[in-house]
Amino acid sequence: MADVRLNPGESFESLLRRFSKQVQGDRILAEVRRRKFYEKPSEERKRKEAVKKRKSAR
């Protein structure tokens, strides 16, 4: 969960920029996209194997 507190004298734009960076760093949006639709266990296994193959090919 991203938690950003407003510092004294900080603008809203700066706060929003920090929040966006934290959300990207925590990979929250990627997780939301991944969970948007149900993925069968066999599909998940195939996806993970494909990721491993791509990483090992580098």
N, C-alpha and C. Protein backbone atom coordinates (compact mmCIF):
# COMPACT_ATOMS: atom_id res chain seq x y z
N MET A 1 0.84 -1.17 0.00
CA MET A 1 0.00 0.00 0.00
C MET A 1 0.89 1.24 0.00
N ALA A 2 0.66 2.12 -0.95
CA ALA A 2 1.45 3.34 -1.06
C ALA A 2 0.94 4.36 -0.04
N ASP A 3 1.87 4.92 0.73
CA ASP A 3 1.50 5.90 1.75
C ASP A 3 2.43 7.10 1.60
N VAL A 4 1.85 8.25 1.28
CA VAL A 4 2.63 9.47 1.09
C VAL A 4 2.01 10.56 1.95
N ARG A 5 2.84 11.21 2.75
CA ARG A 5 2.35 12.28 3.63
C ARG A 5 2.83 13.63 3.10
N LEU A 6 1.99 14.62 3.25
CA LEU A 6 2.29 15.97 2.78
C LEU A 6 3.28 16.63 3.73
N ASN A 7 4.42 17.04 3.18
CA ASN A 7 5.42 17.76 3.97
C ASN A 7 5.04 19.24 4.04
N PRO A 8 5.45 19.93 5.10
CA PRO A 8 5.12 21.36 5.21
C PRO A 8 5.70 22.15 4.03
N GLY A 9 4.85 22.96 3.41
CA GLY A 9 5.29 23.79 2.29
C GLY A 9 5.39 23.05 0.98
N GLU A 10 4.95 21.81 0.91
CA GLU A 10 5.05 21.02 -0.32
C GLU A 10 3.80 21.23 -1.17
N SER A 11 3.99 21.34 -2.47
CA SER A 11 2.84 21.54 -3.36
C SER A 11 2.17 20.20 -3.64
N PHE A 12 0.93 20.30 -4.10
CA PHE A 12 0.17 19.09 -4.42
C PHE A 12 0.81 18.34 -5.58
N GLU A 13 1.37 19.08 -6.56
CA GLU A 13 2.00 18.45 -7.71
C GLU A 13 3.20 17.61 -7.27
N SER A 14 3.97 18.14 -6.34
CA SER A 14 5.13 17.42 -5.82
C SER A 14 4.68 16.16 -5.08
N LEU A 15 3.63 16.29 -4.31
CA LEU A 15 3.08 15.15 -3.58
C LEU A 15 2.60 14.08 -4.55
N LEU A 16 1.90 14.51 -5.59
CA LEU A 16 1.38 13.57 -6.58
C LEU A 16 2.53 12.87 -7.31
N ARG A 17 3.59 13.60 -7.61
CA ARG A 17 4.76 13.02 -8.29
C ARG A 17 5.41 11.95 -7.40
N ARG A 18 5.56 12.24 -6.10
CA ARG A 18 6.13 11.26 -5.17
C ARG A 18 5.24 10.02 -5.06
N PHE A 19 3.92 10.25 -5.02
CA PHE A 19 2.99 9.12 -4.94
C PHE A 19 3.10 8.24 -6.17
N SER A 20 3.15 8.85 -7.35
CA SER A 20 3.26 8.09 -8.60
C SER A 20 4.53 7.26 -8.63
N LYS A 21 5.64 7.84 -8.19
CA LYS A 21 6.90 7.10 -8.16
C LYS A 21 6.83 5.92 -7.21
N GLN A 22 6.19 6.12 -6.08
CA GLN A 22 6.07 5.04 -5.11
C GLN A 22 5.19 3.92 -5.64
N VAL A 23 4.11 4.27 -6.32
CA VAL A 23 3.22 3.26 -6.89
C VAL A 23 3.97 2.45 -7.95
N GLN A 24 4.74 3.13 -8.79
CA GLN A 24 5.52 2.42 -9.80
C GLN A 24 6.58 1.54 -9.15
N GLY A 25 7.22 2.03 -8.13
CA GLY A 25 8.26 1.27 -7.45
C GLY A 25 7.71 0.03 -6.77
N ASP A 26 6.52 0.12 -6.23
CA ASP A 26 5.89 -1.02 -5.56
C ASP A 26 5.23 -1.97 -6.55
N ARG A 27 5.20 -1.59 -7.83
CA ARG A 27 4.61 -2.40 -8.91
C ARG A 27 3.13 -2.71 -8.64
N ILE A 28 2.42 -1.74 -8.07
CA ILE A 28 1.01 -1.92 -7.74
C ILE A 28 0.17 -2.02 -9.02
N LEU A 29 0.42 -1.13 -9.98
CA LEU A 29 -0.38 -1.15 -11.21
C LEU A 29 -0.16 -2.42 -12.01
N ALA A 30 1.06 -2.93 -12.03
CA ALA A 30 1.33 -4.19 -12.74
C ALA A 30 0.53 -5.33 -12.11
N GLU A 31 0.46 -5.32 -10.79
CA GLU A 31 -0.30 -6.36 -10.09
C GLU A 31 -1.79 -6.24 -10.38
N VAL A 32 -2.29 -5.01 -10.46
CA VAL A 32 -3.71 -4.80 -10.77
C VAL A 32 -4.02 -5.30 -12.17
N ARG A 33 -3.15 -4.98 -13.12
CA ARG A 33 -3.37 -5.45 -14.50
C ARG A 33 -3.34 -6.96 -14.57
N ARG A 34 -2.42 -7.57 -13.82
CA ARG A 34 -2.28 -9.03 -13.85
C ARG A 34 -3.52 -9.70 -13.25
N ARG A 35 -4.11 -9.10 -12.24
CA ARG A 35 -5.27 -9.71 -11.58
C ARG A 35 -6.61 -9.29 -12.18
N LYS A 36 -6.57 -8.52 -13.25
CA LYS A 36 -7.81 -8.02 -13.85
C LYS A 36 -8.70 -9.16 -14.32
N PHE A 37 -8.09 -10.21 -14.88
CA PHE A 37 -8.83 -11.37 -15.35
C PHE A 37 -8.27 -12.62 -14.68
N TYR A 38 -9.12 -13.61 -14.52
CA TYR A 38 -8.68 -14.86 -13.91
C TYR A 38 -7.73 -15.57 -14.86
N GLU A 39 -6.66 -16.11 -14.31
CA GLU A 39 -5.70 -16.86 -15.10
C GLU A 39 -5.66 -18.28 -14.55
N LYS A 40 -5.91 -19.22 -15.44
CA LYS A 40 -5.90 -20.61 -15.00
C LYS A 40 -4.49 -20.99 -14.55
N PRO A 41 -4.39 -21.94 -13.62
CA PRO A 41 -3.06 -22.34 -13.13
C PRO A 41 -2.13 -22.79 -14.26
N SER A 42 -2.68 -23.48 -15.26
CA SER A 42 -1.82 -23.94 -16.37
C SER A 42 -1.30 -22.75 -17.17
N GLU A 43 -2.14 -21.73 -17.36
CA GLU A 43 -1.70 -20.53 -18.09
C GLU A 43 -0.64 -19.78 -17.29
N GLU A 44 -0.82 -19.73 -15.99
CA GLU A 44 0.15 -19.05 -15.14
C GLU A 44 1.50 -19.77 -15.20
N ARG A 45 1.47 -21.09 -15.17
CA ARG A 45 2.69 -21.88 -15.26
C ARG A 45 3.41 -21.63 -16.59
N LYS A 46 2.64 -21.61 -17.69
CA LYS A 46 3.23 -21.36 -19.01
C LYS A 46 3.84 -19.96 -19.08
N ARG A 47 3.16 -18.98 -18.51
CA ARG A 47 3.66 -17.61 -18.53
C ARG A 47 4.97 -17.50 -17.74
N LYS A 48 5.01 -18.13 -16.58
CA LYS A 48 6.22 -18.08 -15.77
C LYS A 48 7.38 -18.79 -16.45
N GLU A 49 7.12 -19.91 -17.13
CA GLU A 49 8.18 -20.61 -17.86
C GLU A 49 8.70 -19.76 -19.01
N ALA A 50 7.81 -19.04 -19.69
CA ALA A 50 8.22 -18.17 -20.79
C ALA A 50 9.11 -17.05 -20.27
N VAL A 51 8.78 -16.50 -19.10
CA VAL A 51 9.61 -15.46 -18.51
C VAL A 51 10.99 -16.00 -18.18
N LYS A 52 11.06 -17.20 -17.63
CA LYS A 52 12.34 -17.82 -17.30
C LYS A 52 13.18 -18.01 -18.57
N LYS A 53 12.55 -18.47 -19.65
CA LYS A 53 13.28 -18.69 -20.91
C LYS A 53 13.82 -17.37 -21.45
N ARG A 54 13.02 -16.31 -21.38
CA ARG A 54 13.48 -15.01 -21.87
C ARG A 54 14.66 -14.50 -21.04
N LYS A 55 14.59 -14.68 -19.74
CA LYS A 55 15.67 -14.21 -18.87
C LYS A 55 16.95 -15.01 -19.10
N SER A 56 16.82 -16.30 -19.30
CA SER A 56 18.01 -17.14 -19.50
C SER A 56 18.61 -16.92 -20.89
N ALA A 57 17.83 -16.45 -21.83
CA ALA A 57 18.33 -16.20 -23.20
C ALA A 57 19.21 -14.96 -23.25
N ARG A 58 19.11 -14.10 -22.27
CA ARG A 58 19.91 -12.86 -22.26
C ARG A 58 21.32 -13.15 -21.99
